[in-house]
Amino acid sequence: MAKTTQLRTYVVRDGLLDAWVQRWQADIVPLRLELGFEIGGAWVDRERNQFVWLISYDGPETFADRNALYWASPARKAMKLDPDDYLVSTDDRTVEERY
């Protein structure tokens, strides 16, 4: 499979941006890395209350298949992290690197 990269933009609930970033760093990132994903960076846009990050997968499965494995994993369930508690909306875009 070819490498797939997604640009993810999340609008975070008022007052929860820093709490979301802490949960993302502590819980989501380690599991994503363990499952073979790469994190290309993450940014906070405080003016728009947004969290933006790049996630890639370059392995034998499709990004969608590997993402489904992430969501179904016992470790993900053990997080007891419901994104809806933090996020108002999400926009996930598959992008192609050019530089």
PDB file of N, CA and C in Angstrom:
ATOM      1  N   MET A   1       0.832  -1.190   0.000  1.00  0.00           N
ATOM      2  CA  MET A   1       0.000   0.000   0.000  1.00  0.00           C
ATOM      3  C   MET A   1       0.874   1.250   0.000  1.00  0.00           C
ATOM      4  N   ALA A   2       0.375   2.279  -0.628  1.00  0.00           N
ATOM      5  CA  ALA A   2       1.077   3.565  -0.627  1.00  0.00           C
ATOM      6  C   ALA A   2       0.806   4.298   0.688  1.00  0.00           C
ATOM      7  N   LYS A   3       1.722   5.152   1.049  1.00  0.00           N
ATOM      8  CA  LYS A   3       1.563   5.953   2.258  1.00  0.00           C
ATOM      9  C   LYS A   3       0.344   6.854   2.123  1.00  0.00           C
ATOM     10  N   THR A   4      -0.464   6.868   3.171  1.00  0.00           N
ATOM     11  CA  THR A   4      -1.643   7.733   3.226  1.00  0.00           C
ATOM     12  C   THR A   4      -1.458   8.713   4.369  1.00  0.00           C
ATOM     13  N   THR A   5      -1.718   9.982   4.090  1.00  0.00           N
ATOM     14  CA  THR A   5      -1.617  11.023   5.108  1.00  0.00           C
ATOM     15  C   THR A   5      -2.937  11.768   5.190  1.00  0.00           C
ATOM     16  N   GLN A   6      -3.361  12.014   6.409  1.00  0.00           N
ATOM     17  CA  GLN A   6      -4.554  12.819   6.635  1.00  0.00           C
ATOM     18  C   GLN A   6      -4.186  14.077   7.406  1.00  0.00           C
ATOM     19  N   LEU A   7      -4.769  15.184   6.971  1.00  0.00           N
ATOM     20  CA  LEU A   7      -4.711  16.448   7.688  1.00  0.00           C
ATOM     21  C   LEU A   7      -6.014  16.534   8.465  1.00  0.00           C
ATOM     22  N   ARG A   8      -5.917  16.553   9.765  1.00  0.00           N
ATOM     23  CA  ARG A   8      -7.112  16.547  10.608  1.00  0.00           C
ATOM     24  C   ARG A   8      -7.229  17.877  11.346  1.00  0.00           C
ATOM     25  N   THR A   9      -8.386  18.494  11.232  1.00  0.00           N
ATOM     26  CA  THR A   9      -8.664  19.761  11.903  1.00  0.00           C
ATOM     27  C   THR A   9      -9.872  19.558  12.805  1.00  0.00           C
ATOM     28  N   TYR A  10      -9.680  19.819  14.075  1.00  0.00           N
ATOM     29  CA  TYR A  10     -10.749  19.650  15.055  1.00  0.00           C
ATOM     30  C   TYR A  10     -11.090  21.001  15.665  1.00  0.00           C
ATOM     31  N   VAL A  11     -12.377  21.298  15.746  1.00  0.00           N
ATOM     32  CA  VAL A  11     -12.836  22.447  16.515  1.00  0.00           C
ATOM     33  C   VAL A  11     -13.140  21.914  17.909  1.00  0.00           C
ATOM     34  N   VAL A  12     -12.490  22.514  18.896  1.00  0.00           N
ATOM     35  CA  VAL A  12     -12.566  22.028  20.268  1.00  0.00           C
ATOM     36  C   VAL A  12     -13.555  22.881  21.062  1.00  0.00           C
ATOM     37  N   ARG A  13     -14.262  22.242  21.973  1.00  0.00           N
ATOM     38  CA  ARG A  13     -15.218  22.956  22.822  1.00  0.00           C
ATOM     39  C   ARG A  13     -14.504  24.054  23.614  1.00  0.00           C
ATOM     40  N   ASP A  14     -15.216  25.154  23.827  1.00  0.00           N
ATOM     41  CA  ASP A  14     -14.657  26.291  24.561  1.00  0.00           C
ATOM     42  C   ASP A  14     -14.088  25.843  25.900  1.00  0.00           C
ATOM     43  N   GLY A  15     -12.882  26.298  26.185  1.00  0.00           N
ATOM     44  CA  GLY A  15     -12.249  26.022  27.461  1.00  0.00           C
ATOM     45  C   GLY A  15     -11.571  24.664  27.572  1.00  0.00           C
ATOM     46  N   LEU A  16     -11.638  23.836  26.528  1.00  0.00           N
ATOM     47  CA  LEU A  16     -11.093  22.483  26.620  1.00  0.00           C
ATOM     48  C   LEU A  16      -9.894  22.228  25.704  1.00  0.00           C
ATOM     49  N   LEU A  17      -9.382  23.267  25.064  1.00  0.00           N
ATOM     50  CA  LEU A  17      -8.301  23.065  24.102  1.00  0.00           C
ATOM     51  C   LEU A  17      -7.064  22.454  24.767  1.00  0.00           C
ATOM     52  N   ASP A  18      -6.614  23.004  25.867  1.00  0.00           N
ATOM     53  CA  ASP A  18      -5.427  22.474  26.528  1.00  0.00           C
ATOM     54  C   ASP A  18      -5.686  21.076  27.093  1.00  0.00           C
ATOM     55  N   ALA A  19      -6.862  20.836  27.624  1.00  0.00           N
ATOM     56  CA  ALA A  19      -7.208  19.505  28.142  1.00  0.00           C
ATOM     57  C   ALA A  19      -7.219  18.483  27.007  1.00  0.00           C
ATOM     58  N   TRP A  20      -7.741  18.878  25.842  1.00  0.00           N
ATOM     59  CA  TRP A  20      -7.741  17.978  24.693  1.00  0.00           C
ATOM     60  C   TRP A  20      -6.307  17.636  24.274  1.00  0.00           C
ATOM     61  N   VAL A  21      -5.450  18.645  24.188  1.00  0.00           N
ATOM     62  CA  VAL A  21      -4.070  18.413  23.779  1.00  0.00           C
ATOM     63  C   VAL A  21      -3.382  17.465  24.759  1.00  0.00           C
ATOM     64  N   GLN A  22      -3.619  17.631  26.032  1.00  0.00           N
ATOM     65  CA  GLN A  22      -3.011  16.742  27.030  1.00  0.00           C
ATOM     66  C   GLN A  22      -3.470  15.299  26.839  1.00  0.00           C
ATOM     67  N   ARG A  23      -4.770  15.098  26.636  1.00  0.00           N
ATOM     68  CA  ARG A  23      -5.289  13.732  26.414  1.00  0.00           C
ATOM     69  C   ARG A  23      -4.743  13.160  25.116  1.00  0.00           C
ATOM     70  N   TRP A  24      -4.688  13.977  24.075  1.00  0.00           N
ATOM     71  CA  TRP A  24      -4.172  13.525  22.780  1.00  0.00           C
ATOM     72  C   TRP A  24      -2.727  13.063  22.925  1.00  0.00           C
ATOM     73  N   GLN A  25      -1.903  13.882  23.594  1.00  0.00           N
ATOM     74  CA  GLN A  25      -0.482  13.541  23.764  1.00  0.00           C
ATOM     75  C   GLN A  25      -0.296  12.308  24.646  1.00  0.00           C
ATOM     76  N   ALA A  26      -1.040  12.216  25.728  1.00  0.00           N
ATOM     77  CA  ALA A  26      -0.847  11.145  26.700  1.00  0.00           C
ATOM     78  C   ALA A  26      -1.446   9.815  26.261  1.00  0.00           C
ATOM     79  N   ASP A  27      -2.574   9.856  25.576  1.00  0.00           N
ATOM     80  CA  ASP A  27      -3.313   8.630  25.276  1.00  0.00           C
ATOM     81  C   ASP A  27      -3.313   8.250  23.797  1.00  0.00           C
ATOM     82  N   ILE A  28      -3.644   9.190  22.949  1.00  0.00           N
ATOM     83  CA  ILE A  28      -3.836   8.888  21.533  1.00  0.00           C
ATOM     84  C   ILE A  28      -2.505   8.667  20.822  1.00  0.00           C
ATOM     85  N   VAL A  29      -1.564   9.577  21.000  1.00  0.00           N
ATOM     86  CA  VAL A  29      -0.291   9.482  20.276  1.00  0.00           C
ATOM     87  C   VAL A  29       0.433   8.158  20.541  1.00  0.00           C
ATOM     88  N   PRO A  30       0.625   7.747  21.802  1.00  0.00           N
ATOM     89  CA  PRO A  30       1.354   6.489  22.022  1.00  0.00           C
ATOM     90  C   PRO A  30       0.701   5.279  21.338  1.00  0.00           C
ATOM     91  N   LEU A  31      -0.608   5.191  21.387  1.00  0.00           N
ATOM     92  CA  LEU A  31      -1.283   4.057  20.754  1.00  0.00           C
ATOM     93  C   LEU A  31      -1.185   4.131  19.238  1.00  0.00           C
ATOM     94  N   ARG A  32      -1.350   5.317  18.679  1.00  0.00           N
ATOM     95  CA  ARG A  32      -1.207   5.472  17.227  1.00  0.00           C
ATOM     96  C   ARG A  32       0.188   5.033  16.781  1.00  0.00           C
ATOM     97  N   LEU A  33       1.207   5.464  17.506  1.00  0.00           N
ATOM     98  CA  LEU A  33       2.575   5.088  17.155  1.00  0.00           C
ATOM     99  C   LEU A  33       2.787   3.584  17.303  1.00  0.00           C
ATOM    100  N   GLU A  34       2.256   3.011  18.358  1.00  0.00           N
ATOM    101  CA  GLU A  34       2.369   1.569  18.582  1.00  0.00           C
ATOM    102  C   GLU A  34       1.747   0.777  17.437  1.00  0.00           C
ATOM    103  N   LEU A  35       0.699   1.311  16.847  1.00  0.00           N
ATOM    104  CA  LEU A  35      -0.005   0.617  15.762  1.00  0.00           C
ATOM    105  C   LEU A  35       0.552   0.960  14.383  1.00  0.00           C
ATOM    106  N   GLY A  36       1.678   1.657  14.338  1.00  0.00           N
ATOM    107  CA  GLY A  36       2.357   1.891  13.070  1.00  0.00           C
ATOM    108  C   GLY A  36       2.034   3.195  12.371  1.00  0.00           C
ATOM    109  N   PHE A  37       1.275   4.065  13.005  1.00  0.00           N
ATOM    110  CA  PHE A  37       1.001   5.375  12.425  1.00  0.00           C
ATOM    111  C   PHE A  37       2.181   6.303  12.688  1.00  0.00           C
ATOM    112  N   GLU A  38       2.307   7.325  11.874  1.00  0.00           N
ATOM    113  CA  GLU A  38       3.288   8.380  12.087  1.00  0.00           C
ATOM    114  C   GLU A  38       2.525   9.677  12.339  1.00  0.00           C
ATOM    115  N   ILE A  39       3.027  10.478  13.251  1.00  0.00           N
ATOM    116  CA  ILE A  39       2.439  11.787  13.519  1.00  0.00           C
ATOM    117  C   ILE A  39       3.390  12.815  12.914  1.00  0.00           C
ATOM    118  N   GLY A  40       2.910  13.566  11.926  1.00  0.00           N
ATOM    119  CA  GLY A  40       3.746  14.526  11.209  1.00  0.00           C
ATOM    120  C   GLY A  40       3.826  15.885  11.863  1.00  0.00           C
ATOM    121  N   GLY A  41       3.073  16.079  12.918  1.00  0.00           N
ATOM    122  CA  GLY A  41       3.071  17.353  13.631  1.00  0.00           C
ATOM    123  C   GLY A  41       1.677  17.649  14.142  1.00  0.00           C
ATOM    124  N   ALA A  42       1.616  18.581  15.084  1.00  0.00           N
ATOM    125  CA  ALA A  42       0.335  19.004  15.647  1.00  0.00           C
ATOM    126  C   ALA A  42       0.443  20.466  16.044  1.00  0.00           C
ATOM    127  N   TRP A  43      -0.637  21.199  15.823  1.00  0.00           N
ATOM    128  CA  TRP A  43      -0.649  22.639  16.069  1.00  0.00           C
ATOM    129  C   TRP A  43      -1.959  23.033  16.736  1.00  0.00           C
ATOM    130  N   VAL A  44      -1.883  24.136  17.490  1.00  0.00           N
ATOM    131  CA  VAL A  44      -3.064  24.705  18.123  1.00  0.00           C
ATOM    132  C   VAL A  44      -3.305  26.074  17.520  1.00  0.00           C
ATOM    133  N   ASP A  45      -4.533  26.324  17.121  1.00  0.00           N
ATOM    134  CA  ASP A  45      -4.956  27.639  16.633  1.00  0.00           C
ATOM    135  C   ASP A  45      -5.921  28.187  17.683  1.00  0.00           C
ATOM    136  N   ARG A  46      -5.380  28.926  18.632  1.00  0.00           N
ATOM    137  CA  ARG A  46      -6.199  29.406  19.758  1.00  0.00           C
ATOM    138  C   ARG A  46      -7.289  30.382  19.308  1.00  0.00           C
ATOM    139  N   GLU A  47      -6.993  31.165  18.296  1.00  0.00           N
ATOM    140  CA  GLU A  47      -7.979  32.144  17.819  1.00  0.00           C
ATOM    141  C   GLU A  47      -9.257  31.458  17.337  1.00  0.00           C
ATOM    142  N   ARG A  48      -9.115  30.300  16.713  1.00  0.00           N
ATOM    143  CA  ARG A  48     -10.275  29.558  16.181  1.00  0.00           C
ATOM    144  C   ARG A  48     -10.662  28.374  17.055  1.00  0.00           C
ATOM    145  N   ASN A  49      -9.948  28.193  18.181  1.00  0.00           N
ATOM    146  CA  ASN A  49     -10.182  27.061  19.072  1.00  0.00           C
ATOM    147  C   ASN A  49     -10.064  25.733  18.320  1.00  0.00           C
ATOM    148  N   GLN A  50      -8.994  25.620  17.512  1.00  0.00           N
ATOM    149  CA  GLN A  50      -8.795  24.436  16.683  1.00  0.00           C
ATOM    150  C   GLN A  50      -7.498  23.715  17.034  1.00  0.00           C
ATOM    151  N   PHE A  51      -7.545  22.419  16.796  1.00  0.00           N
ATOM    152  CA  PHE A  51      -6.388  21.550  16.922  1.00  0.00           C
ATOM    153  C   PHE A  51      -6.189  20.909  15.559  1.00  0.00           C
ATOM    154  N   VAL A  52      -4.985  21.026  15.008  1.00  0.00           N
ATOM    155  CA  VAL A  52      -4.684  20.541  13.658  1.00  0.00           C
ATOM    156  C   VAL A  52      -3.494  19.591  13.745  1.00  0.00           C
ATOM    157  N   TRP A  53      -3.616  18.444  13.067  1.00  0.00           N
ATOM    158  CA  TRP A  53      -2.505  17.494  13.092  1.00  0.00           C
ATOM    159  C   TRP A  53      -2.447  16.674  11.825  1.00  0.00           C
ATOM    160  N   LEU A  54      -1.247  16.100  11.588  1.00  0.00           N
ATOM    161  CA  LEU A  54      -1.018  15.226  10.441  1.00  0.00           C
ATOM    162  C   LEU A  54      -0.780  13.817  10.950  1.00  0.00           C
ATOM    163  N   ILE A  55      -1.463  12.857  10.362  1.00  0.00           N
ATOM    164  CA  ILE A  55      -1.277  11.452  10.698  1.00  0.00           C
ATOM    165  C   ILE A  55      -1.104  10.668   9.406  1.00  0.00           C
ATOM    166  N   SER A  56      -0.132   9.745   9.399  1.00  0.00           N
ATOM    167  CA  SER A  56       0.157   8.944   8.208  1.00  0.00           C
ATOM    168  C   SER A  56       0.236   7.478   8.575  1.00  0.00           C
ATOM    169  N   TYR A  57      -0.007   6.654   7.554  1.00  0.00           N
ATOM    170  CA  TYR A  57       0.203   5.214   7.701  1.00  0.00           C
ATOM    171  C   TYR A  57       0.785   4.707   6.396  1.00  0.00           C
ATOM    172  N   ASP A  58       1.867   3.948   6.528  1.00  0.00           N
ATOM    173  CA  ASP A  58       2.537   3.363   5.374  1.00  0.00           C
ATOM    174  C   ASP A  58       2.865   1.923   5.721  1.00  0.00           C
ATOM    175  N   GLY A  59       1.914   1.043   5.494  1.00  0.00           N
ATOM    176  CA  GLY A  59       2.109  -0.351   5.870  1.00  0.00           C
ATOM    177  C   GLY A  59       1.353  -1.276   4.942  1.00  0.00           C
ATOM    178  N   PRO A  60       1.240  -2.530   5.331  1.00  0.00           N
ATOM    179  CA  PRO A  60       0.619  -3.522   4.457  1.00  0.00           C
ATOM    180  C   PRO A  60      -0.894  -3.367   4.316  1.00  0.00           C
ATOM    181  N   GLU A  61      -1.528  -2.686   5.260  1.00  0.00           N
ATOM    182  CA  GLU A  61      -2.973  -2.499   5.209  1.00  0.00           C
ATOM    183  C   GLU A  61      -3.303  -1.109   4.671  1.00  0.00           C
ATOM    184  N   THR A  62      -4.560  -0.865   4.403  1.00  0.00           N
ATOM    185  CA  THR A  62      -4.978   0.485   4.037  1.00  0.00           C
ATOM    186  C   THR A  62      -5.062   1.333   5.303  1.00  0.00           C
ATOM    187  N   PHE A  63      -5.046   2.618   5.118  1.00  0.00           N
ATOM    188  CA  PHE A  63      -5.212   3.532   6.247  1.00  0.00           C
ATOM    189  C   PHE A  63      -6.524   3.232   6.962  1.00  0.00           C
ATOM    190  N   ALA A  64      -7.587   3.039   6.190  1.00  0.00           N
ATOM    191  CA  ALA A  64      -8.912   2.777   6.775  1.00  0.00           C
ATOM    192  C   ALA A  64      -8.910   1.502   7.608  1.00  0.00           C
ATOM    193  N   ASP A  65      -8.266   0.447   7.095  1.00  0.00           N
ATOM    194  CA  ASP A  65      -8.208  -0.804   7.848  1.00  0.00           C
ATOM    195  C   ASP A  65      -7.423  -0.632   9.144  1.00  0.00           C
ATOM    196  N   ARG A  66      -6.308   0.059   9.073  1.00  0.00           N
ATOM    197  CA  ARG A  66      -5.487   0.260  10.264  1.00  0.00           C
ATOM    198  C   ARG A  66      -6.189   1.174  11.256  1.00  0.00           C
ATOM    199  N   ASN A  67      -6.922   2.158  10.746  1.00  0.00           N
ATOM    200  CA  ASN A  67      -7.683   3.057  11.608  1.00  0.00           C
ATOM    201  C   ASN A  67      -8.787   2.295  12.339  1.00  0.00           C
ATOM    202  N   ALA A  68      -9.434   1.377  11.632  1.00  0.00           N
ATOM    203  CA  ALA A  68     -10.473   0.547  12.256  1.00  0.00           C
ATOM    204  C   ALA A  68      -9.867  -0.307  13.370  1.00  0.00           C
ATOM    205  N   LEU A  69      -8.650  -0.819  13.144  1.00  0.00           N
ATOM    206  CA  LEU A  69      -7.953  -1.596  14.167  1.00  0.00           C
ATOM    207  C   LEU A  69      -7.690  -0.734  15.404  1.00  0.00           C
ATOM    208  N   TYR A  70      -7.292   0.504  15.176  1.00  0.00           N
ATOM    209  CA  TYR A  70      -7.068   1.443  16.289  1.00  0.00           C
ATOM    210  C   TYR A  70      -8.344   1.599  17.124  1.00  0.00           C
ATOM    211  N   TRP A  71      -9.454   1.880  16.464  1.00  0.00           N
ATOM    212  CA  TRP A  71     -10.705   2.122  17.179  1.00  0.00           C
ATOM    213  C   TRP A  71     -11.231   0.880  17.889  1.00  0.00           C
ATOM    214  N   ALA A  72     -10.948  -0.292  17.348  1.00  0.00           N
ATOM    215  CA  ALA A  72     -11.434  -1.544  17.937  1.00  0.00           C
ATOM    216  C   ALA A  72     -10.498  -2.109  19.007  1.00  0.00           C
ATOM    217  N   SER A  73      -9.314  -1.530  19.153  1.00  0.00           N
ATOM    218  CA  SER A  73      -8.324  -2.096  20.062  1.00  0.00           C
ATOM    219  C   SER A  73      -8.759  -1.960  21.529  1.00  0.00           C
ATOM    220  N   PRO A  74      -8.428  -2.944  22.339  1.00  0.00           N
ATOM    221  CA  PRO A  74      -8.727  -2.863  23.770  1.00  0.00           C
ATOM    222  C   PRO A  74      -8.069  -1.638  24.423  1.00  0.00           C
ATOM    223  N   ALA A  75      -6.877  -1.276  23.959  1.00  0.00           N
ATOM    224  CA  ALA A  75      -6.194  -0.106  24.527  1.00  0.00           C
ATOM    225  C   ALA A  75      -6.982   1.170  24.259  1.00  0.00           C
ATOM    226  N   ARG A  76      -7.578   1.279  23.070  1.00  0.00           N
ATOM    227  CA  ARG A  76      -8.382   2.473  22.758  1.00  0.00           C
ATOM    228  C   ARG A  76      -9.616   2.512  23.637  1.00  0.00           C
ATOM    229  N   LYS A  77     -10.255   1.381  23.819  1.00  0.00           N
ATOM    230  CA  LYS A  77     -11.449   1.324  24.668  1.00  0.00           C
ATOM    231  C   LYS A  77     -11.103   1.640  26.126  1.00  0.00           C
ATOM    232  N   ALA A  78      -9.929   1.207  26.570  1.00  0.00           N
ATOM    233  CA  ALA A  78      -9.505   1.442  27.952  1.00  0.00           C
ATOM    234  C   ALA A  78      -9.243   2.920  28.252  1.00  0.00           C
ATOM    235  N   MET A  79      -9.037   3.726  27.201  1.00  0.00           N
ATOM    236  CA  MET A  79      -8.818   5.160  27.406  1.00  0.00           C
ATOM    237  C   MET A  79     -10.026   5.849  28.019  1.00  0.00           C
ATOM    238  N   LYS A  80     -11.202   5.292  27.752  1.00  0.00           N
ATOM    239  CA  LYS A  80     -12.446   5.935  28.191  1.00  0.00           C
ATOM    240  C   LYS A  80     -12.449   7.396  27.757  1.00  0.00           C
ATOM    241  N   LEU A  81     -12.112   7.584  26.493  1.00  0.00           N
ATOM    242  CA  LEU A  81     -12.028   8.915  25.903  1.00  0.00           C
ATOM    243  C   LEU A  81     -13.031   9.016  24.771  1.00  0.00           C
ATOM    244  N   ASP A  82     -14.068   9.787  24.992  1.00  0.00           N
ATOM    245  CA  ASP A  82     -15.066  10.033  23.955  1.00  0.00           C
ATOM    246  C   ASP A  82     -14.738  11.384  23.325  1.00  0.00           C
ATOM    247  N   PRO A  83     -14.313  11.387  22.040  1.00  0.00           N
ATOM    248  CA  PRO A  83     -13.971  12.663  21.394  1.00  0.00           C
ATOM    249  C   PRO A  83     -15.091  13.696  21.456  1.00  0.00           C
ATOM    250  N   ASP A  84     -16.335  13.251  21.486  1.00  0.00           N
ATOM    251  CA  ASP A  84     -17.457  14.197  21.540  1.00  0.00           C
ATOM    252  C   ASP A  84     -17.462  15.018  22.828  1.00  0.00           C
ATOM    253  N   ASP A  85     -16.806  14.532  23.861  1.00  0.00           N
ATOM    254  CA  ASP A  85     -16.710  15.309  25.101  1.00  0.00           C
ATOM    255  C   ASP A  85     -15.839  16.547  24.917  1.00  0.00           C
ATOM    256  N   TYR A  86     -14.951  16.516  23.917  1.00  0.00           N
ATOM    257  CA  TYR A  86     -13.994  17.593  23.686  1.00  0.00           C
ATOM    258  C   TYR A  86     -14.214  18.337  22.363  1.00  0.00           C
ATOM    259  N   LEU A  87     -14.695  17.625  21.357  1.00  0.00           N
ATOM    260  CA  LEU A  87     -14.693  18.185  20.003  1.00  0.00           C
ATOM    261  C   LEU A  87     -16.085  18.565  19.534  1.00  0.00           C
ATOM    262  N   VAL A  88     -16.180  19.744  18.928  1.00  0.00           N
ATOM    263  CA  VAL A  88     -17.422  20.219  18.331  1.00  0.00           C
ATOM    264  C   VAL A  88     -17.574  19.625  16.934  1.00  0.00           C
ATOM    265  N   SER A  89     -16.464  19.592  16.183  1.00  0.00           N
ATOM    266  CA  SER A  89     -16.494  19.045  14.820  1.00  0.00           C
ATOM    267  C   SER A  89     -15.092  18.609  14.416  1.00  0.00           C
ATOM    268  N   THR A  90     -15.063  17.749  13.400  1.00  0.00           N
ATOM    269  CA  THR A  90     -13.787  17.282  12.856  1.00  0.00           C
ATOM    270  C   THR A  90     -13.838  17.361  11.339  1.00  0.00           C
ATOM    271  N   ASP A  91     -12.680  17.613  10.752  1.00  0.00           N
ATOM    272  CA  ASP A  91     -12.538  17.625   9.300  1.00  0.00           C
ATOM    273  C   ASP A  91     -11.270  16.838   8.987  1.00  0.00           C
ATOM    274  N   ASP A  92     -11.433  15.658   8.395  1.00  0.00           N
ATOM    275  CA  ASP A  92     -10.304  14.794   8.040  1.00  0.00           C
ATOM    276  C   ASP A  92     -10.149  14.801   6.531  1.00  0.00           C
ATOM    277  N   ARG A  93      -8.976  15.211   6.068  1.00  0.00           N
ATOM    278  CA  ARG A  93      -8.711  15.279   4.626  1.00  0.00           C
ATOM    279  C   ARG A  93      -7.499  14.437   4.279  1.00  0.00           C
ATOM    280  N   THR A  94      -7.646  13.584   3.292  1.00  0.00           N
ATOM    281  CA  THR A  94      -6.508  12.839   2.798  1.00  0.00           C
ATOM    282  C   THR A  94      -5.751  13.745   1.847  1.00  0.00           C
ATOM    283  N   VAL A  95      -4.449  13.907   2.121  1.00  0.00           N
ATOM    284  CA  VAL A  95      -3.630  14.834   1.347  1.00  0.00           C
ATOM    285  C   VAL A  95      -2.411  14.098   0.779  1.00  0.00           C
ATOM    286  N   GLU A  96      -1.833  14.669  -0.258  1.00  0.00           N
ATOM    287  CA  GLU A  96      -0.638  14.100  -0.887  1.00  0.00           C
ATOM    288  C   GLU A  96       0.521  15.080  -0.713  1.00  0.00           C
ATOM    289  N   GLU A  97       1.642  14.545  -0.262  1.00  0.00           N
ATOM    290  CA  GLU A  97       2.817  15.377  -0.033  1.00  0.00           C
ATOM    291  C   GLU A  97       3.429  15.793  -1.370  1.00  0.00           C
ATOM    292  N   ARG A  98       3.815  17.040  -1.454  1.00  0.00           N
ATOM    293  CA  ARG A  98       4.450  17.577  -2.648  1.00  0.00           C
ATOM    294  C   ARG A  98       5.790  18.219  -2.347  1.00  0.00           C
ATOM    295  N   TYR A  99       6.070  18.471  -1.081  1.00  0.00           N
ATOM    296  CA  TYR A  99       7.355  19.063  -0.723  1.00  0.00           C
ATOM    297  C   TYR A  99       7.717  18.633   0.676  1.00  0.00           C
TER     298      TYR A  99
END
